[in-house]
């Protein structure tokens, strides 16, 4: 009973310890639902990004007074009292003749936001300049930004990298974690924890004291992911933490909310009508999948096919735990630099235990790959994905394991345009036939760590050729690509294909310089 009470107290602390600004669903409850469910705007993100032209109280009062009158038009009402964001894809037109390097260099300026001063919207103001992905993504995104920084590094824009790291440190200090993006409706979840990698990248250029400087934020982020872990009994989970049956600790994706995502409200409500899960459980699973960054993929589906079978919170993800292994090691290294041997040893021991647990629970010797592990069913997931290469990126695999993974990548994932995300074609955007820049990079560098250089180079060259071919055709670099058919346009997902695009630019420039293309 005491243990259960402790977990509840921990949960309450995690909710109230940091400021939680109101979101559109809370500010305009009835109006918000009407706008989203009636699809006043084709993209559900449009309304939640809009700027109100009056106070929430005034708008709600006007809505109640108007909504039942003859001739009331909901869209006209929203247009009168909200300013919706302009479509950003029409602002910039590239010069194909200047070449792809000039295009990327120009985009760093196009996609850059200056320090925010805006108030009264869902945007969380940030104190320093930053890069957004592009298209409908008008705010900074957590895991996207690391891959964008790879390109900024190649462009020698070190001050912008540091500004983005400072922004993320500010978010950790303000909210206890880095939200999915700097919008109020994203605060209930994070994204794959790449902050330690960002700090490592900055340390390459400013020295290892940077690890010490950002250690408070690295630890706070770690505490966010591990919240409640100490009170867990074997076979139980709390928020992101899972105590495995052998007593070891691993993690899962999670979201503090169990309601429809505000930016995709209608889609979530309709999807929940098709699931056998309780609506709240389904909403938690769909939000947790959004935290993974892979929204959506057969990887998270019990049947490997359909969204209503999402089971994200039941899975121990390979990539998340590899990233947390790195976080533990970076904190340990920061204590080494400070000559604090005891705390360095504590965090290094956490990393060693996590590595052992990942290899125990997620390694599938039969198929030669890392799979997500269903901690509730006590069995490996039936789905395989390119996340199998994350342990190679962080040197968590043995040489024989890495060889098996390389063989699997060659046989199952390698495509004419790079590597596919999964082996299933479901119509979801994080499945076949789509390929994504961050996953190409993690795969290529993971293979290089274990001297599978030929396969790594093949993937890199195919990806670069696909990117450059599309640029020469359209003058654009895209969010994702069809890696099976170079003449097709990638699809799936809840929104049209976006161009810009931060992480594509960053990874492409990194690979072009790495392979001297």
Protein backbone atom coordinates (compact mmCIF):
# COMPACT_ATOMS: atom_id res chain seq x y z
CA UNK A 1 0.00 0.00 0.00
CA UNK A 2 2.86 2.36 0.87
CA UNK A 3 4.54 1.64 -2.47
CA UNK A 4 1.32 2.43 -4.37
CA UNK A 5 0.87 5.66 -2.40
CA UNK A 6 4.47 6.65 -3.22
CA UNK A 7 3.81 6.18 -6.94
CA UNK A 8 0.69 8.35 -6.76
CA UNK A 9 2.60 11.08 -4.94
CA UNK A 10 5.37 10.86 -7.54
CA UNK A 11 2.80 11.19 -10.32
CA UNK A 12 1.22 14.24 -8.72
CA UNK A 13 4.63 15.85 -8.28
CA UNK A 14 5.52 15.26 -11.93
CA UNK A 15 2.29 16.93 -13.02
CA UNK A 16 2.36 19.97 -10.74
CA UNK A 17 6.09 20.61 -10.35
CA UNK A 18 6.20 22.47 -13.65
CA UNK A 19 3.89 25.05 -15.26
CA UNK A 20 1.24 23.54 -17.54
CA UNK A 21 -0.23 26.19 -19.87
CA UNK A 22 -3.77 25.78 -21.15
CA UNK A 23 -4.33 24.23 -24.56
CA UNK A 24 -7.08 25.02 -27.11
CA UNK A 25 -9.22 22.11 -25.93
CA UNK A 26 -9.24 23.62 -22.43
CA UNK A 27 -9.53 27.25 -23.53
CA UNK A 28 -12.41 26.75 -25.99
CA UNK A 29 -13.85 23.32 -25.10
CA UNK A 30 -17.10 23.39 -27.07
CA UNK A 31 -15.82 25.50 -29.96
CA UNK A 32 -12.66 23.41 -30.25
CA UNK A 33 -14.59 20.15 -30.60
CA UNK A 34 -16.97 21.65 -33.16
CA UNK A 35 -14.16 23.05 -35.32
CA UNK A 36 -12.16 19.84 -35.27
CA UNK A 37 -15.02 17.36 -35.68
CA UNK A 38 -16.67 19.36 -38.47
CA UNK A 39 -13.29 19.62 -40.19
CA UNK A 40 -13.53 23.38 -40.66
CA UNK A 41 -9.87 23.15 -41.70
CA UNK A 42 -8.63 20.10 -43.64
CA UNK A 43 -5.60 19.88 -41.36
CA UNK A 44 -6.45 19.64 -37.65
CA UNK A 45 -3.20 21.39 -36.81
CA UNK A 46 -4.38 24.64 -38.42
CA UNK A 47 -6.85 25.62 -35.71
CA UNK A 48 -4.63 24.74 -32.76
CA UNK A 49 -1.87 26.89 -34.28
CA UNK A 50 -4.19 29.86 -34.89
CA UNK A 51 -3.84 33.18 -33.07
CA UNK A 52 -6.96 34.33 -31.17
CA UNK A 53 -8.00 37.91 -31.83
CA UNK A 54 -9.88 38.24 -28.53
CA UNK A 55 -9.59 36.69 -25.09
CA UNK A 56 -10.73 33.11 -24.64
CA UNK A 57 -13.55 34.25 -22.36
CA UNK A 58 -14.82 36.71 -24.97
CA UNK A 59 -14.63 34.18 -27.79
CA UNK A 60 -16.47 31.54 -25.76
CA UNK A 61 -19.18 34.04 -24.83
CA UNK A 62 -19.59 35.13 -28.47
CA UNK A 63 -19.74 31.52 -29.61
CA UNK A 64 -22.46 30.61 -27.10
CA UNK A 65 -24.47 33.64 -28.16
CA UNK A 66 -24.11 32.90 -31.89
CA UNK A 67 -23.95 29.15 -32.47
CA UNK A 68 -27.69 28.46 -32.39
CA UNK A 69 -28.78 31.46 -34.44
CA UNK A 70 -30.14 30.90 -37.97
CA UNK A 71 -27.47 31.23 -40.61
CA UNK A 72 -24.55 30.69 -38.23
CA UNK A 73 -21.49 29.48 -40.13
CA UNK A 74 -18.75 27.99 -37.98
CA UNK A 75 -15.91 28.71 -40.41
CA UNK A 76 -16.95 32.34 -40.74
CA UNK A 77 -16.95 32.62 -36.94
CA UNK A 78 -13.44 31.18 -36.63
CA UNK A 79 -12.17 33.43 -39.42
CA UNK A 80 -13.53 36.45 -37.60
CA UNK A 81 -11.99 35.66 -34.22
CA UNK A 82 -8.84 33.73 -35.14
CA UNK A 83 -5.93 34.36 -37.48
CA UNK A 84 -4.82 31.06 -38.97
CA UNK A 85 -1.19 30.52 -40.00
CA UNK A 86 -0.33 31.12 -43.64
CA UNK A 87 0.78 28.18 -45.77
CA UNK A 88 4.57 28.32 -45.55
CA UNK A 89 5.35 26.08 -48.53
CA UNK A 90 4.66 28.87 -51.02
CA UNK A 91 7.08 31.39 -49.50
CA UNK A 92 10.38 30.01 -50.82
CA UNK A 93 11.20 28.96 -54.38
CA UNK A 94 14.53 27.25 -54.94
CA UNK A 95 17.04 27.85 -57.71
CA UNK A 96 17.78 24.36 -59.02
CA UNK A 97 20.54 25.68 -61.23
CA UNK A 98 22.53 26.88 -58.21
CA UNK A 99 22.86 23.28 -57.01
CA UNK A 100 21.80 21.33 -53.98
CA UNK A 101 24.48 22.66 -51.62
CA UNK A 102 23.42 26.24 -52.30
CA UNK A 103 19.80 25.16 -51.78
CA UNK A 104 20.55 23.70 -48.35
CA UNK A 105 22.64 26.70 -47.33
CA UNK A 106 19.78 29.05 -48.25
CA UNK A 107 17.24 26.90 -46.41
CA UNK A 108 19.07 27.38 -43.11
CA UNK A 109 17.98 31.00 -43.36
CA UNK A 110 14.49 30.22 -44.67
CA UNK A 111 13.77 27.70 -41.90
CA UNK A 112 15.29 29.78 -39.10
CA UNK A 113 13.09 31.40 -36.46
CA UNK A 114 14.39 34.25 -34.38
CA UNK A 115 13.87 34.24 -30.61
CA UNK A 116 10.13 34.27 -29.98
CA UNK A 117 8.18 37.21 -28.61
CA UNK A 118 4.71 35.98 -29.58
CA UNK A 119 2.11 35.72 -26.82
CA UNK A 120 -1.43 34.40 -26.61
CA UNK A 121 -0.99 31.46 -28.99
CA UNK A 122 -0.11 27.81 -28.48
CA UNK A 123 3.51 28.53 -29.39
CA UNK A 124 5.87 28.22 -26.43
CA UNK A 125 8.30 31.14 -26.84
CA UNK A 126 11.98 30.18 -26.98
CA UNK A 127 14.77 32.58 -25.99
CA UNK A 128 17.16 31.80 -28.85
CA UNK A 129 17.06 31.30 -32.62
CA UNK A 130 16.20 27.85 -33.96
CA UNK A 131 15.46 25.83 -37.10
CA UNK A 132 12.01 24.40 -37.86
CA UNK A 133 11.44 21.39 -40.15
CA UNK A 134 9.32 23.28 -42.71
CA UNK A 135 5.84 23.05 -44.24
CA UNK A 136 3.09 22.61 -41.62
CA UNK A 137 5.75 22.16 -38.96
CA UNK A 138 6.17 25.77 -37.89
CA UNK A 139 7.82 25.07 -34.53
CA UNK A 140 10.92 23.27 -33.32
CA UNK A 141 10.68 19.48 -32.98
CA UNK A 142 12.78 17.56 -30.54
CA UNK A 143 14.34 14.60 -32.32
CA UNK A 144 14.24 16.27 -35.74
CA UNK A 145 16.62 18.89 -34.44
CA UNK A 146 19.59 16.56 -33.89
CA UNK A 147 19.62 15.58 -37.55
CA UNK A 148 19.19 19.21 -38.56
CA UNK A 149 22.21 20.01 -36.37
CA UNK A 150 24.31 17.50 -38.33
CA UNK A 151 23.85 19.73 -41.36
CA UNK A 152 24.42 22.91 -39.37
CA UNK A 153 27.71 21.40 -38.22
CA UNK A 154 28.74 20.74 -41.82
CA UNK A 155 27.79 24.34 -42.62
CA UNK A 156 29.90 25.52 -39.66
CA UNK A 157 26.90 27.23 -38.06
CA UNK A 158 28.05 26.34 -34.57
CA UNK A 159 26.39 29.29 -32.85
CA UNK A 160 22.99 28.17 -34.15
CA UNK A 161 23.63 24.66 -32.83
CA UNK A 162 24.45 26.16 -29.43
CA UNK A 163 21.34 28.32 -29.51
CA UNK A 164 19.18 25.26 -30.17
CA UNK A 165 20.86 23.36 -27.33
CA UNK A 166 20.20 26.36 -25.05
CA UNK A 167 16.53 26.33 -26.11
CA UNK A 168 16.19 22.66 -25.25
CA UNK A 169 17.92 23.22 -21.90
CA UNK A 170 15.42 26.03 -21.27
CA UNK A 171 12.52 23.70 -22.03
CA UNK A 172 13.88 21.07 -19.64
CA UNK A 173 14.28 23.66 -16.90
CA UNK A 174 10.78 25.05 -17.52
CA UNK A 175 8.75 21.87 -18.06
CA UNK A 176 10.95 19.08 -16.72
CA UNK A 177 11.42 17.59 -20.19
CA UNK A 178 11.68 18.54 -23.84
CA UNK A 179 8.16 18.49 -25.30
CA UNK A 180 7.43 16.89 -28.67
CA UNK A 181 7.54 20.47 -30.06
CA UNK A 182 7.29 23.98 -28.62
CA UNK A 183 3.49 24.05 -28.58
CA UNK A 184 1.30 23.87 -25.49
CA UNK A 185 -0.59 20.87 -26.87
CA UNK A 186 2.68 18.91 -27.11
CA UNK A 187 3.73 19.32 -23.46
CA UNK A 188 2.18 16.04 -22.28
CA UNK A 189 4.83 14.02 -24.11
CA UNK A 190 8.42 14.18 -25.25
CA UNK A 191 10.18 12.53 -28.23
CA UNK A 192 13.17 10.18 -28.60
CA UNK A 193 15.80 11.56 -26.17
CA UNK A 194 18.47 12.95 -28.49
CA UNK A 195 19.47 15.85 -26.18
CA UNK A 196 22.59 14.02 -24.99
CA UNK A 197 23.68 13.56 -28.61
CA UNK A 198 23.13 17.27 -29.24
CA UNK A 199 25.30 18.14 -26.24
CA UNK A 200 27.96 15.69 -27.48
CA UNK A 201 27.87 17.35 -30.90
CA UNK A 202 28.35 20.77 -29.34
CA UNK A 203 31.16 19.44 -27.14
CA UNK A 204 33.10 18.42 -30.26
CA UNK A 205 33.52 22.11 -31.04
CA UNK A 206 33.52 23.71 -27.59
CA UNK A 207 35.24 21.09 -25.46
CA UNK A 208 34.07 18.44 -23.01
CA UNK A 209 33.28 21.03 -20.33
CA UNK A 210 30.02 21.43 -22.28
CA UNK A 211 29.00 18.04 -20.84
CA UNK A 212 29.43 19.49 -17.36
CA UNK A 213 27.64 22.71 -18.24
CA UNK A 214 24.51 20.87 -19.39
CA UNK A 215 24.70 18.08 -16.82
CA UNK A 216 21.82 19.54 -14.74
CA UNK A 217 19.51 19.36 -17.77
CA UNK A 218 20.79 15.92 -18.80
CA UNK A 219 19.96 14.64 -15.31
CA UNK A 220 16.54 16.31 -15.30
CA UNK A 221 15.71 14.68 -18.61
CA UNK A 222 16.89 11.34 -17.27
CA UNK A 223 14.66 11.79 -14.21
CA UNK A 224 11.71 12.50 -16.50
CA UNK A 225 12.15 9.18 -18.30
CA UNK A 226 12.83 7.29 -15.07
CA UNK A 227 10.10 8.91 -12.94
CA UNK A 228 8.60 6.38 -10.52
CA UNK A 229 11.10 3.65 -11.40
CA UNK A 230 12.43 3.19 -7.88
CA UNK A 231 9.01 2.24 -6.52
CA UNK A 232 8.24 -0.40 -9.13
CA UNK A 233 7.87 -4.09 -8.45
CA UNK A 234 9.02 -6.63 -11.09
CA UNK A 235 6.60 -6.92 -13.99
CA UNK A 236 5.09 -3.46 -13.39
CA UNK A 237 5.28 -0.14 -15.23
CA UNK A 238 4.79 3.48 -14.26
CA UNK A 239 4.78 6.22 -16.89
CA UNK A 240 7.91 5.62 -19.00
CA UNK A 241 9.62 3.14 -16.66
CA UNK A 242 9.22 -0.64 -16.63
CA UNK A 243 10.66 -2.99 -14.04
CA UNK A 244 11.31 -6.24 -15.90
CA UNK A 245 10.65 -9.59 -14.26
CA UNK A 246 14.35 -10.03 -13.43
CA UNK A 247 14.41 -6.64 -11.66
CA UNK A 248 16.19 -4.73 -14.43
CA UNK A 249 14.87 -1.37 -15.65
CA UNK A 250 13.90 -0.55 -19.21
CA UNK A 251 11.65 2.10 -20.71
CA UNK A 252 8.67 2.64 -22.99
CA UNK A 253 7.02 5.53 -24.80
CA UNK A 254 4.21 7.19 -22.84
CA UNK A 255 2.07 10.32 -22.75
CA UNK A 256 0.69 12.00 -19.65
CA UNK A 257 -2.68 12.48 -21.36
CA UNK A 258 -5.28 9.90 -22.37
CA UNK A 259 -7.48 12.12 -24.55
CA UNK A 260 -7.41 12.62 -28.34
CA UNK A 261 -4.41 14.58 -29.62
CA UNK A 262 -5.56 18.15 -30.14
CA UNK A 263 -3.71 18.56 -33.44
CA UNK A 264 -5.34 15.35 -34.76
CA UNK A 265 -8.52 15.36 -32.70
CA UNK A 266 -10.98 14.18 -35.33
CA UNK A 267 -8.67 11.43 -36.59
CA UNK A 268 -8.18 10.07 -33.07
CA UNK A 269 -11.88 10.15 -32.18
CA UNK A 270 -12.80 8.27 -35.35
CA UNK A 271 -10.00 5.75 -34.90
CA UNK A 272 -11.09 5.08 -31.31
CA UNK A 273 -14.53 4.07 -32.58
CA UNK A 274 -12.90 1.12 -34.38
CA UNK A 275 -10.79 -0.26 -31.55
CA UNK A 276 -11.59 -2.97 -29.01
CA UNK A 277 -9.59 -1.06 -26.40
CA UNK A 278 -11.08 1.34 -23.90
CA UNK A 279 -11.02 4.78 -25.52
CA UNK A 280 -8.63 6.15 -22.89
CA UNK A 281 -6.22 3.27 -23.40
CA UNK A 282 -6.29 3.76 -27.15
CA UNK A 283 -5.67 7.49 -26.86
CA UNK A 284 -2.70 6.77 -24.59
CA UNK A 285 -1.31 4.31 -27.12
CA UNK A 286 -1.75 6.67 -30.05
CA UNK A 287 -0.12 9.51 -28.11
CA UNK A 288 2.76 7.25 -27.06
CA UNK A 289 3.30 6.36 -30.71
CA UNK A 290 3.46 10.08 -31.44
CA UNK A 291 6.13 10.41 -28.74
CA UNK A 292 8.17 7.74 -30.53
CA UNK A 293 8.34 9.94 -33.62
CA UNK A 294 7.13 6.94 -35.66
CA UNK A 295 3.52 8.08 -36.01
CA UNK A 296 2.36 5.74 -37.26
CA UNK A 297 3.87 2.33 -37.98
CA UNK A 298 3.01 -1.36 -38.03
CA UNK A 299 5.76 -1.58 -35.42
CA UNK A 300 3.26 -0.46 -32.78
CA UNK A 301 0.28 -2.54 -34.02
CA UNK A 302 -0.67 -5.86 -32.45
CA UNK A 303 -1.80 -7.21 -35.82
CA UNK A 304 0.95 -5.45 -37.77
CA UNK A 305 -1.68 -3.90 -40.02
CA UNK A 306 -4.24 -1.60 -38.47
CA UNK A 307 -4.20 1.50 -36.28
CA UNK A 308 -6.98 0.35 -33.88
CA UNK A 309 -4.62 -2.39 -32.60
CA UNK A 310 -1.94 0.04 -31.38
CA UNK A 311 -0.14 -1.35 -28.32
CA UNK A 312 2.69 1.17 -27.94
CA UNK A 313 2.67 1.28 -24.16
CA UNK A 314 3.00 -2.52 -24.01
CA UNK A 315 6.32 -2.46 -25.85
CA UNK A 316 9.91 -1.95 -24.76
CA UNK A 317 11.32 -0.10 -27.79
CA UNK A 318 14.84 -0.87 -28.98
CA UNK A 319 15.62 2.70 -30.09
CA UNK A 320 14.40 4.41 -26.91
CA UNK A 321 16.50 2.21 -24.67
CA UNK A 322 19.57 2.61 -26.85
CA UNK A 323 19.18 6.40 -26.56
CA UNK A 324 18.79 6.19 -22.78
CA UNK A 325 21.90 4.01 -22.63
CA UNK A 326 23.75 6.85 -24.31
CA UNK A 327 22.23 9.38 -21.92
CA UNK A 328 23.43 7.37 -18.93
CA UNK A 329 26.93 7.17 -20.40
CA UNK A 330 27.06 10.89 -21.18
CA UNK A 331 26.07 11.77 -17.60
CA UNK A 332 28.76 9.35 -16.38
CA UNK A 333 31.34 11.02 -18.62
CA UNK A 334 30.35 14.45 -17.30
CA UNK A 335 31.12 13.22 -13.78
CA UNK A 336 34.44 11.78 -14.99
CA UNK A 337 35.34 15.25 -16.21
CA UNK A 338 34.45 16.66 -12.77
CA UNK A 339 36.51 13.88 -11.16
CA UNK A 340 33.47 12.58 -9.28
CA UNK A 341 34.25 8.88 -9.51
CA UNK A 342 31.34 7.69 -7.38
CA UNK A 343 28.58 9.33 -9.43
CA UNK A 344 30.35 8.47 -12.68
CA UNK A 345 30.37 4.84 -11.57
CA UNK A 346 26.68 4.94 -10.61
CA UNK A 347 25.57 6.13 -14.04
CA UNK A 348 27.98 3.86 -15.88
CA UNK A 349 26.56 0.92 -13.93
CA UNK A 350 23.04 1.96 -14.97
CA UNK A 351 24.20 1.92 -18.60
CA UNK A 352 25.86 -1.49 -18.24
CA UNK A 353 22.69 -2.94 -16.73
CA UNK A 354 20.53 -1.40 -19.46
CA UNK A 355 22.76 -2.84 -22.17
CA UNK A 356 22.52 -6.30 -20.61
CA UNK A 357 18.74 -6.02 -20.26
CA UNK A 358 18.29 -4.83 -23.86
CA UNK A 359 20.33 -7.76 -25.14
CA UNK A 360 18.43 -10.17 -22.90
CA UNK A 361 14.92 -9.04 -23.76
CA UNK A 362 15.15 -7.50 -27.25
CA UNK A 363 17.73 -9.59 -29.09
CA UNK A 364 16.22 -12.29 -31.32
CA UNK A 365 18.96 -14.76 -32.21
CA UNK A 366 16.64 -16.72 -34.53
CA UNK A 367 16.13 -13.85 -36.97
CA UNK A 368 19.33 -11.99 -36.12
CA UNK A 369 17.77 -8.69 -35.13
CA UNK A 370 16.72 -6.50 -32.24
CA UNK A 371 12.95 -6.43 -31.75
CA UNK A 372 10.71 -4.48 -29.41
CA UNK A 373 9.67 -6.59 -26.44
CA UNK A 374 6.09 -6.89 -25.20
CA UNK A 375 6.60 -6.67 -21.43
CA UNK A 376 2.99 -7.60 -20.69
CA UNK A 377 2.93 -10.71 -22.88
CA UNK A 378 6.57 -11.49 -22.01
CA UNK A 379 7.39 -12.07 -25.66
CA UNK A 380 9.18 -10.41 -28.53
CA UNK A 381 7.08 -8.34 -30.91
CA UNK A 382 6.24 -10.09 -34.17
CA UNK A 383 7.23 -6.97 -36.12
CA UNK A 384 10.73 -6.11 -37.26
CA UNK A 385 11.90 -2.60 -38.08
CA UNK A 386 15.03 -0.68 -39.00
CA UNK A 387 15.22 0.32 -35.31
CA UNK A 388 17.25 -2.90 -35.08
CA UNK A 389 20.30 -0.81 -36.05
CA UNK A 390 20.16 1.57 -33.05
CA UNK A 391 22.20 -0.74 -30.77
CA UNK A 392 24.88 -0.77 -33.48
CA UNK A 393 24.95 3.04 -33.53
CA UNK A 394 25.64 3.06 -29.78
CA UNK A 395 28.01 0.04 -29.85
CA UNK A 396 25.71 -2.11 -27.73
CA UNK A 397 25.89 -5.18 -29.97
CA UNK A 398 28.58 -7.86 -30.13
CA UNK A 399 30.46 -8.34 -33.39
CA UNK A 400 28.44 -11.50 -34.27
CA UNK A 401 25.17 -9.70 -33.46
CA UNK A 402 26.14 -6.77 -35.68
CA UNK A 403 26.97 -9.17 -38.50
CA UNK A 404 23.51 -10.75 -38.22
CA UNK A 405 21.85 -7.32 -38.20
CA UNK A 406 23.84 -6.30 -41.30
CA UNK A 407 22.68 -9.45 -43.08
CA UNK A 408 19.07 -8.72 -42.14
CA UNK A 409 19.36 -5.12 -43.36
CA UNK A 410 20.81 -6.36 -46.66
CA UNK A 411 18.10 -8.98 -47.15
CA UNK A 412 14.98 -7.30 -45.73
CA UNK A 413 15.40 -3.53 -45.65
CA UNK A 414 17.75 -2.47 -48.45
CA UNK A 415 15.83 -0.83 -51.29
CA UNK A 416 16.81 1.04 -54.49
CA UNK A 417 16.57 4.35 -52.59
CA UNK A 418 18.04 3.43 -49.19
CA UNK A 419 16.56 1.41 -46.33
CA UNK A 420 12.88 0.95 -45.65
CA UNK A 421 11.43 1.60 -42.21
CA UNK A 422 9.62 -1.74 -41.83
CA UNK A 423 8.80 -4.72 -44.03
CA UNK A 424 5.04 -4.04 -43.97
CA UNK A 425 3.03 -1.88 -46.35
CA UNK A 426 0.09 -0.61 -44.33
CA UNK A 427 -0.51 2.84 -45.82
CA UNK A 428 1.01 4.40 -42.69
CA UNK A 429 3.91 6.76 -43.27
CA UNK A 430 6.42 4.91 -41.06
CA UNK A 431 6.08 1.71 -43.06
CA UNK A 432 7.04 0.52 -46.52
CA UNK A 433 7.64 1.96 -49.04
CA UNK A 434 8.81 5.06 -47.14
CA UNK A 435 12.32 5.89 -46.04
CA UNK A 436 13.30 8.65 -43.62
CA UNK A 437 16.54 10.62 -43.27
CA UNK A 438 17.14 9.97 -39.53
CA UNK A 439 16.81 6.23 -39.94
CA UNK A 440 19.16 6.18 -42.93
CA UNK A 441 21.75 8.01 -40.85
CA UNK A 442 21.45 5.82 -37.75
CA UNK A 443 21.68 2.70 -39.94
CA UNK A 444 24.66 3.91 -41.97
CA UNK A 445 26.66 5.02 -38.93
CA UNK A 446 25.74 1.89 -36.96
CA UNK A 447 27.01 -0.33 -39.77
CA UNK A 448 30.20 1.72 -40.03
CA UNK A 449 30.85 1.19 -36.31
CA UNK A 450 31.17 -2.54 -37.00
CA UNK A 451 33.12 -2.19 -40.28
CA UNK A 452 30.20 -3.09 -42.55
CA UNK A 453 31.41 -0.22 -44.71
CA UNK A 454 30.33 -1.50 -48.11
CA UNK A 455 26.70 -1.92 -47.09
CA UNK A 456 26.76 1.45 -45.30
CA UNK A 457 28.12 3.16 -48.42
CA UNK A 458 25.54 1.47 -50.64
CA UNK A 459 22.71 2.76 -48.44
CA UNK A 460 24.22 6.25 -48.34
CA UNK A 461 24.74 6.45 -52.09
CA UNK A 462 21.24 5.22 -52.87
CA UNK A 463 19.70 7.69 -50.42
CA UNK A 464 21.74 10.61 -51.73
CA UNK A 465 20.87 9.78 -55.33
CA UNK A 466 17.16 9.63 -54.46
CA UNK A 467 17.28 12.98 -52.66
CA UNK A 468 19.21 14.67 -55.46
CA UNK A 469 16.99 13.23 -58.18
CA UNK A 470 13.91 14.68 -56.49
CA UNK A 471 15.65 18.03 -56.01
CA UNK A 472 16.58 18.17 -59.69
CA UNK A 473 12.97 17.35 -60.58
CA UNK A 474 11.10 19.66 -58.18
CA UNK A 475 13.64 21.91 -56.50
CA UNK A 476 12.63 20.47 -53.12
CA UNK A 477 13.98 18.28 -50.36
CA UNK A 478 11.18 16.31 -48.75
CA UNK A 479 10.20 15.03 -45.35
CA UNK A 480 10.25 11.40 -46.53
CA UNK A 481 10.78 9.42 -49.73
CA UNK A 482 9.51 6.30 -51.49
CA UNK A 483 12.65 4.16 -51.38
CA UNK A 484 11.15 1.37 -53.50
CA UNK A 485 10.20 3.48 -56.51
CA UNK A 486 12.22 6.60 -57.26
CA UNK A 487 9.47 7.88 -59.55
CA UNK A 488 6.78 7.67 -56.88
CA UNK A 489 5.95 10.21 -54.19
CA UNK A 490 5.95 9.09 -50.57
CA UNK A 491 2.54 9.05 -48.89
CA UNK A 492 0.62 7.86 -45.86
CA UNK A 493 0.11 9.76 -42.65
CA UNK A 494 -2.46 12.33 -41.58
CA UNK A 495 -1.22 15.21 -43.73
CA UNK A 496 0.18 15.89 -47.24
CA UNK A 497 3.87 15.35 -48.02
CA UNK A 498 5.91 18.24 -46.58
CA UNK A 499 8.91 19.96 -48.06
CA UNK A 500 11.61 21.97 -46.36
CA UNK A 501 12.89 19.84 -44.72
CA UNK A 502 15.17 20.18 -41.72
CA UNK A 503 16.37 16.67 -41.06
CA UNK A 504 16.56 15.71 -44.74
CA UNK A 505 18.80 18.72 -45.39
CA UNK A 506 21.02 17.93 -42.42
CA UNK A 507 21.52 14.24 -43.14
CA UNK A 508 22.03 14.77 -46.86
CA UNK A 509 24.73 17.38 -46.34
CA UNK A 510 26.43 15.20 -43.71
CA UNK A 511 26.46 12.19 -46.03
CA UNK A 512 27.62 14.18 -49.07
CA UNK A 513 30.63 15.40 -47.10
CA UNK A 514 31.25 12.01 -45.49
CA UNK A 515 31.30 10.22 -48.84
CA UNK A 516 32.74 13.14 -50.82
CA UNK A 517 29.79 13.15 -53.20
